[in-house]
Amino acid sequence: MKSIGEKIKELRLKNDMTQEKLADYLFVTYQTVSKWETGVTSPDLSMIVPLARLFRVTTDELFDFRESVEDLKREELKKRYDDTFKTGDINERLVISGEAVKTYPADMMWLNKYAWDIWCNAFSIVDDTGFNAEREKAIELFRKVIENCDSDEIKGNAITGIVQCLNGKGDHIEAKRYAEMYPDVKVSADEKEKLLMDCMTGKEKTKKQQERIMIKAYNLLEALLLSDLTNEALFAAENIIKTLVSDGNYFTFHYQLYIIYMALARNYINADNHDAAITSILKARNHAISYDAIEGNEFVFTTPLFNLVKYNTEDWFKTGTNTTLESFRELLNSPSYAPLKSHRDYAKLIK
């Protein structure tokens, strides 16, 4: 089956027309005609009848098969819809998606878009009765998508929508039920966790948010400390820790600070700035001592950002039998730090 562009070219040549001549007839540019024929773009639906009349063929013949007309209708509808994200016209977006679900009632992609548009437009309704009615309409549409959709992507998007709606009306139990239905694919694990957290309330939610921030913080610090360990990366990691743990009670972050300051010291040594290296190593030594001094099976941060996060020291993952201070002393004896042995303050490092 020929594409619409190929068919236009065939009929244009059959009628002995140049691209410029065809463009003049249709009040478009010859570049537009060229894009049609090369498949870069397709003519708008408004062009189909004029093209058929100009070439003296039926629209079916112009498209070869009726399915091509249907494809063009879908493309035009999607283009009109996508254009609303450039114009910001949410009312027009709702009109288009409403038109689409009537035209393609079994299309779950359009039904999901329509549900989202109803939900988003509900926020422009001033009275509670009208807002609640639109929210209920969106919930029912999201349910229909979830029950009938084969696409994990569309289903996951609909679940996100219904969880928002249900949480908004205070139905956290039902919201959690849907959140747990989020497709279990790797890329969606984070989204599922966020949805489940949204279904929580009070202290439980705050605690989960703090734990999530903690995990993200550790992941970010790990990425920075696995990089080239430039001063910029190390200073960024240091600032992140000091910002998150504003009261200086670093607990597990003592270890990251120990790593940061030892790495900074190596950079200072390479730059022949031995005074700065000594200062940095002294900081590293203090954090090593503070990390080893953590006592008790359970520790709770005191910084406001993590004051509900609890750690059990019995569950710590250890990679050796040495204490951090013992590891520090071994590292200090490595060739990387040898240039500091002649420094006047070196004795402070090994006391």
Foldseek 3Di string as FASTA:
>chain_A
DDALLCLLVVLCVVVPHDLCRVCVQVVHHSVVNVCCNVVVDHDQPVCQVVSCVVSVHDSCVSGVHVVNVVVNVVVVLVVQLVVCVVVVPLVVNLVSLVVVCVVVVLDLVSLLSNLVSLLVCLVVDDDPVSSLVSLVVSLVSLVVSLVRPPDLVSVLSSLLSNLVSCVVVVNLVVNLVSLVVRDPDPVCPVVSLVSNLSSDDDPVSLQSVLVVVVVVLVVLLVVLLPPPLDLVSLVVNVVSQCVLQVVPPNAVCLQSLLSSLQSVLLVCVVVVNNVSSVVSLVSSLVSLVVNLPDDDQKDARPRPSGRSDMHGPVPDDDDDDDRSNVVSVVVCPDPSNVVNPPPPCVVVNVD
